[in-house]
Amino acid sequence: MKKTFEIPDDNRLRAVKRISKLMDEEFSVAGFKFGLDPILNLVPIAGDLGGYIISIALIFTMMKHGASGKLLVKMLGNASLDALLGAIPVLGWIFDFVFKANTYNVKLLSEFYAEGKHKGSGLDTVLIMLFLFLIVLIAVGWLSFWFLKTVTGYIDHNWLG
């Protein structure tokens, strides 16, 4: 029997659930659920960065509603893993259809509220999150740029200067 968890009834947290579903599980083909995230990631650079920024915005919304520092670090790890592995051509595209970071983060948030899991200090977590966000953002941009330049030859050396 699958155990379900409920997030407190708050319009902003309902929006988190709605956006998470849109990004990870909105569509279904032959019983396989997927969302906009893997579709966006088919667009090099912009898709990867856009999906990651949406995930980070959801995490910050959860932070505003009392998510613990420990929970936020777990959520950031999920979003960052999704962004980094999703930036790898072909393998990353497949990964994006299977790994649903936003859905998993909503599950963690539900466990936090319903069972008191994932508690811990978060005073220093905000700075760590911003630092990790910046590093992952740069890494995803670099990986996407490298792919376009190296694998596809899309970027001409003259374009760089």
C-alpha atoms as a PDB file:
ATOM      1  CA  MET A   1       0.000   0.000   0.000  1.00  0.00           C
ATOM      2  CA  LYS A   2       1.477   3.308  -1.082  1.00  0.00           C
ATOM      3  CA  LYS A   3       1.653   5.846   1.728  1.00  0.00           C
ATOM      4  CA  THR A   4       0.774   9.393   0.711  1.00  0.00           C
ATOM      5  CA  PHE A   5       1.794  12.567   2.464  1.00  0.00           C
ATOM      6  CA  GLU A   6       0.022  15.876   2.399  1.00  0.00           C
ATOM      7  CA  ILE A   7       1.571  19.302   2.357  1.00  0.00           C
ATOM      8  CA  PRO A   8      -0.177  21.888   4.549  1.00  0.00           C
ATOM      9  CA  ASP A   9      -3.008  23.685   2.775  1.00  0.00           C
ATOM     10  CA  ASP A  10      -1.301  26.863   1.601  1.00  0.00           C
ATOM     11  CA  ASN A  11      -1.811  28.350  -1.868  1.00  0.00           C
ATOM     12  CA  ARG A  12       1.911  28.838  -2.455  1.00  0.00           C
ATOM     13  CA  LEU A  13       2.712  25.238  -1.503  1.00  0.00           C
ATOM     14  CA  ARG A  14      -0.121  24.002  -3.705  1.00  0.00           C
ATOM     15  CA  ALA A  15       1.586  25.916  -6.510  1.00  0.00           C
ATOM     16  CA  VAL A  16       4.820  24.034  -5.733  1.00  0.00           C
ATOM     17  CA  LYS A  17       2.995  20.724  -6.162  1.00  0.00           C
ATOM     18  CA  ARG A  18       1.331  21.935  -9.384  1.00  0.00           C
ATOM     19  CA  ILE A  19       4.582  23.183 -10.939  1.00  0.00           C
ATOM     20  CA  SER A  20       6.408  20.039  -9.838  1.00  0.00           C
ATOM     21  CA  LYS A  21       3.797  17.897 -11.568  1.00  0.00           C
ATOM     22  CA  LEU A  22       4.010  20.049 -14.708  1.00  0.00           C
ATOM     23  CA  MET A  23       7.791  19.691 -14.803  1.00  0.00           C
ATOM     24  CA  ASP A  24       7.983  15.945 -14.012  1.00  0.00           C
ATOM     25  CA  GLU A  25       4.697  14.060 -14.527  1.00  0.00           C
ATOM     26  CA  GLU A  26       2.143  16.085 -16.490  1.00  0.00           C
ATOM     27  CA  PHE A  27       1.993  13.825 -19.550  1.00  0.00           C
ATOM     28  CA  SER A  28       1.570  10.097 -19.921  1.00  0.00           C
ATOM     29  CA  VAL A  29       2.435   7.852 -22.860  1.00  0.00           C
ATOM     30  CA  ALA A  30       1.774   4.122 -22.501  1.00  0.00           C
ATOM     31  CA  GLY A  31       1.679   4.511 -18.736  1.00  0.00           C
ATOM     32  CA  PHE A  32       5.035   6.319 -18.579  1.00  0.00           C
ATOM     33  CA  LYS A  33       4.771   9.750 -16.983  1.00  0.00           C
ATOM     34  CA  PHE A  34       6.968  12.692 -17.908  1.00  0.00           C
ATOM     35  CA  GLY A  35       6.775  16.458 -17.797  1.00  0.00           C
ATOM     36  CA  LEU A  36       8.246  19.544 -19.402  1.00  0.00           C
ATOM     37  CA  ASP A  37      11.702  19.059 -17.852  1.00  0.00           C
ATOM     38  CA  PRO A  38      12.945  16.384 -20.269  1.00  0.00           C
ATOM     39  CA  ILE A  39      11.337  18.215 -23.189  1.00  0.00           C
ATOM     40  CA  LEU A  40      13.017  21.515 -22.240  1.00  0.00           C
ATOM     41  CA  ASN A  41      16.358  19.736 -21.908  1.00  0.00           C
ATOM     42  CA  LEU A  42      16.289  18.854 -25.586  1.00  0.00           C
ATOM     43  CA  VAL A  43      17.162  22.523 -26.146  1.00  0.00           C
ATOM     44  CA  PRO A  44      20.898  22.842 -25.376  1.00  0.00           C
ATOM     45  CA  ILE A  45      21.909  25.289 -22.648  1.00  0.00           C
ATOM     46  CA  ALA A  46      18.581  27.147 -22.332  1.00  0.00           C
ATOM     47  CA  GLY A  47      16.565  24.024 -21.536  1.00  0.00           C
ATOM     48  CA  ASP A  48      19.010  22.731 -18.925  1.00  0.00           C
ATOM     49  CA  LEU A  49      19.373  26.100 -17.249  1.00  0.00           C
ATOM     50  CA  GLY A  50      15.655  26.853 -17.414  1.00  0.00           C
ATOM     51  CA  GLY A  51      14.687  23.577 -15.749  1.00  0.00           C
ATOM     52  CA  TYR A  52      17.327  24.072 -13.046  1.00  0.00           C
ATOM     53  CA  ILE A  53      16.212  27.627 -12.318  1.00  0.00           C
ATOM     54  CA  ILE A  54      12.593  26.446 -11.953  1.00  0.00           C
ATOM     55  CA  SER A  55      13.733  23.724  -9.526  1.00  0.00           C
ATOM     56  CA  ILE A  56      15.710  26.265  -7.491  1.00  0.00           C
ATOM     57  CA  ALA A  57      12.707  28.614  -7.396  1.00  0.00           C
ATOM     58  CA  LEU A  58      10.578  25.761  -6.029  1.00  0.00           C
ATOM     59  CA  ILE A  59      13.224  25.034  -3.378  1.00  0.00           C
ATOM     60  CA  PHE A  60      13.326  28.689  -2.308  1.00  0.00           C
ATOM     61  CA  THR A  61       9.530  28.693  -2.031  1.00  0.00           C
ATOM     62  CA  MET A  62       9.741  25.623   0.212  1.00  0.00           C
ATOM     63  CA  MET A  63      12.451  27.356   2.243  1.00  0.00           C
ATOM     64  CA  LYS A  64      10.128  30.320   2.852  1.00  0.00           C
ATOM     65  CA  HIS A  65       7.590  27.869   4.292  1.00  0.00           C
ATOM     66  CA  GLY A  66       9.865  26.486   6.977  1.00  0.00           C
ATOM     67  CA  ALA A  67      11.760  23.662   5.299  1.00  0.00           C
ATOM     68  CA  SER A  68      14.801  22.776   7.400  1.00  0.00           C
ATOM     69  CA  GLY A  69      18.374  23.330   6.277  1.00  0.00           C
ATOM     70  CA  LYS A  70      18.946  19.584   6.030  1.00  0.00           C
ATOM     71  CA  LEU A  71      15.881  19.211   3.817  1.00  0.00           C
ATOM     72  CA  LEU A  72      16.967  22.100   1.597  1.00  0.00           C
ATOM     73  CA  VAL A  73      20.398  20.555   1.051  1.00  0.00           C
ATOM     74  CA  LYS A  74      18.792  17.240   0.010  1.00  0.00           C
ATOM     75  CA  MET A  75      16.486  19.088  -2.379  1.00  0.00           C
ATOM     76  CA  LEU A  76      19.334  21.098  -3.849  1.00  0.00           C
ATOM     77  CA  GLY A  77      21.277  17.874  -4.341  1.00  0.00           C
ATOM     78  CA  ASN A  78      18.378  16.356  -6.289  1.00  0.00           C
ATOM     79  CA  ALA A  79      17.953  19.439  -8.477  1.00  0.00           C
ATOM     80  CA  SER A  80      21.701  19.745  -9.082  1.00  0.00           C
ATOM     81  CA  LEU A  81      22.067  16.065  -9.974  1.00  0.00           C
ATOM     82  CA  ASP A  82      19.186  16.432 -12.407  1.00  0.00           C
ATOM     83  CA  ALA A  83      20.790  19.504 -13.995  1.00  0.00           C
ATOM     84  CA  LEU A  84      24.314  18.101 -14.218  1.00  0.00           C
ATOM     85  CA  LEU A  85      23.434  14.669 -15.579  1.00  0.00           C
ATOM     86  CA  GLY A  86      20.688  16.149 -17.747  1.00  0.00           C
ATOM     87  CA  ALA A  87      23.295  18.313 -19.502  1.00  0.00           C
ATOM     88  CA  ILE A  88      25.073  15.232 -20.880  1.00  0.00           C
ATOM     89  CA  PRO A  89      23.878  14.696 -24.447  1.00  0.00           C
ATOM     90  CA  VAL A  90      21.758  11.589 -25.109  1.00  0.00           C
ATOM     91  CA  LEU A  91      22.451   9.930 -21.725  1.00  0.00           C
ATOM     92  CA  GLY A  92      21.230  13.078 -19.984  1.00  0.00           C
ATOM     93  CA  TRP A  93      18.100  13.221 -22.078  1.00  0.00           C
ATOM     94  CA  ILE A  94      17.248   9.639 -21.074  1.00  0.00           C
ATOM     95  CA  PHE A  95      18.083  10.453 -17.446  1.00  0.00           C
ATOM     96  CA  ASP A  96      15.686  13.426 -17.520  1.00  0.00           C
ATOM     97  CA  PHE A  97      12.794  11.166 -18.487  1.00  0.00           C
ATOM     98  CA  VAL A  98      13.519   8.816 -15.561  1.00  0.00           C
ATOM     99  CA  PHE A  99      14.768  10.991 -12.676  1.00  0.00           C
ATOM    100  CA  LYS A 100      12.101  13.381 -11.411  1.00  0.00           C
ATOM    101  CA  ALA A 101      13.890  15.733  -9.012  1.00  0.00           C
ATOM    102  CA  ASN A 102      10.946  18.071  -8.424  1.00  0.00           C
ATOM    103  CA  THR A 103       8.556  15.212  -7.628  1.00  0.00           C
ATOM    104  CA  TYR A 104      11.089  13.699  -5.252  1.00  0.00           C
ATOM    105  CA  ASN A 105      11.579  17.083  -3.566  1.00  0.00           C
ATOM    106  CA  VAL A 106       7.833  17.448  -3.006  1.00  0.00           C
ATOM    107  CA  LYS A 107       7.858  13.953  -1.468  1.00  0.00           C
ATOM    108  CA  LEU A 108      10.685  15.020   0.871  1.00  0.00           C
ATOM    109  CA  LEU A 109       8.705  18.131   1.821  1.00  0.00           C
ATOM    110  CA  SER A 110       5.633  16.009   2.519  1.00  0.00           C
ATOM    111  CA  GLU A 111       7.678  13.695   4.748  1.00  0.00           C
ATOM    112  CA  PHE A 112       9.038  16.755   6.541  1.00  0.00           C
ATOM    113  CA  TYR A 113       5.554  18.017   7.362  1.00  0.00           C
ATOM    114  CA  ALA A 114       3.790  14.675   7.928  1.00  0.00           C
ATOM    115  CA  GLU A 115       6.466  12.673   9.762  1.00  0.00           C
ATOM    116  CA  GLY A 116       8.943  15.246  11.018  1.00  0.00           C
ATOM    117  CA  LYS A 117      11.749  13.795   8.882  1.00  0.00           C
ATOM    118  CA  HIS A 118      14.719  15.727   7.443  1.00  0.00           C
ATOM    119  CA  LYS A 119      14.985  18.205  10.314  1.00  0.00           C
ATOM    120  CA  GLY A 120      18.173  20.050  11.141  1.00  0.00           C
ATOM    121  CA  SER A 121      19.782  23.448  11.319  1.00  0.00           C
ATOM    122  CA  GLY A 122      19.699  25.648   8.273  1.00  0.00           C
ATOM    123  CA  LEU A 123      21.398  28.892   9.310  1.00  0.00           C
ATOM    124  CA  ASP A 124      24.437  28.404   7.088  1.00  0.00           C
ATOM    125  CA  THR A 125      22.527  26.454   4.455  1.00  0.00           C
ATOM    126  CA  VAL A 126      21.320  29.462   2.490  1.00  0.00           C
ATOM    127  CA  LEU A 127      24.885  30.591   1.677  1.00  0.00           C
ATOM    128  CA  ILE A 128      25.913  27.046   0.802  1.00  0.00           C
ATOM    129  CA  MET A 129      22.846  26.716  -1.443  1.00  0.00           C
ATOM    130  CA  LEU A 130      23.626  29.934  -3.286  1.00  0.00           C
ATOM    131  CA  PHE A 131      27.247  28.881  -3.760  1.00  0.00           C
ATOM    132  CA  LEU A 132      26.266  25.407  -5.025  1.00  0.00           C
ATOM    133  CA  PHE A 133      23.600  26.941  -7.252  1.00  0.00           C
ATOM    134  CA  LEU A 134      26.214  29.174  -8.866  1.00  0.00           C
ATOM    135  CA  ILE A 135      28.681  26.301  -9.339  1.00  0.00           C
ATOM    136  CA  VAL A 136      26.051  24.025 -10.887  1.00  0.00           C
ATOM    137  CA  LEU A 137      24.759  26.832 -13.093  1.00  0.00           C
ATOM    138  CA  ILE A 138      28.271  27.447 -14.426  1.00  0.00           C
ATOM    139  CA  ALA A 139      28.919  23.703 -14.855  1.00  0.00           C
ATOM    140  CA  VAL A 140      25.675  23.136 -16.765  1.00  0.00           C
ATOM    141  CA  GLY A 141      26.372  26.122 -19.017  1.00  0.00           C
ATOM    142  CA  TRP A 142      29.933  24.964 -19.648  1.00  0.00           C
ATOM    143  CA  LEU A 143      28.895  21.353 -20.369  1.00  0.00           C
ATOM    144  CA  SER A 144      26.226  22.500 -22.792  1.00  0.00           C
ATOM    145  CA  PHE A 145      28.612  24.927 -24.501  1.00  0.00           C
ATOM    146  CA  TRP A 146      31.316  22.226 -24.707  1.00  0.00           C
ATOM    147  CA  PHE A 147      28.828  19.838 -26.285  1.00  0.00           C
ATOM    148  CA  LEU A 148      27.776  22.333 -28.928  1.00  0.00           C
ATOM    149  CA  LYS A 149      31.370  23.202 -29.725  1.00  0.00           C
ATOM    150  CA  THR A 150      33.027  19.787 -29.589  1.00  0.00           C
ATOM    151  CA  VAL A 151      30.450  17.248 -30.593  1.00  0.00           C
ATOM    152  CA  THR A 152      28.317  19.122 -33.076  1.00  0.00           C
ATOM    153  CA  GLY A 153      30.842  21.671 -34.330  1.00  0.00           C
ATOM    154  CA  TYR A 154      28.014  24.186 -34.092  1.00  0.00           C
ATOM    155  CA  ILE A 155      30.151  26.949 -32.607  1.00  0.00           C
ATOM    156  CA  ASP A 156      32.846  28.194 -34.945  1.00  0.00           C
ATOM    157  CA  HIS A 157      36.164  29.235 -33.389  1.00  0.00           C
ATOM    158  CA  ASN A 158      35.838  32.632 -35.084  1.00  0.00           C
ATOM    159  CA  TRP A 159      32.625  33.175 -33.148  1.00  0.00           C
ATOM    160  CA  LEU A 160      34.633  33.133 -29.909  1.00  0.00           C
ATOM    161  CA  GLY A 161      36.739  36.052 -30.871  1.00  0.00           C
END
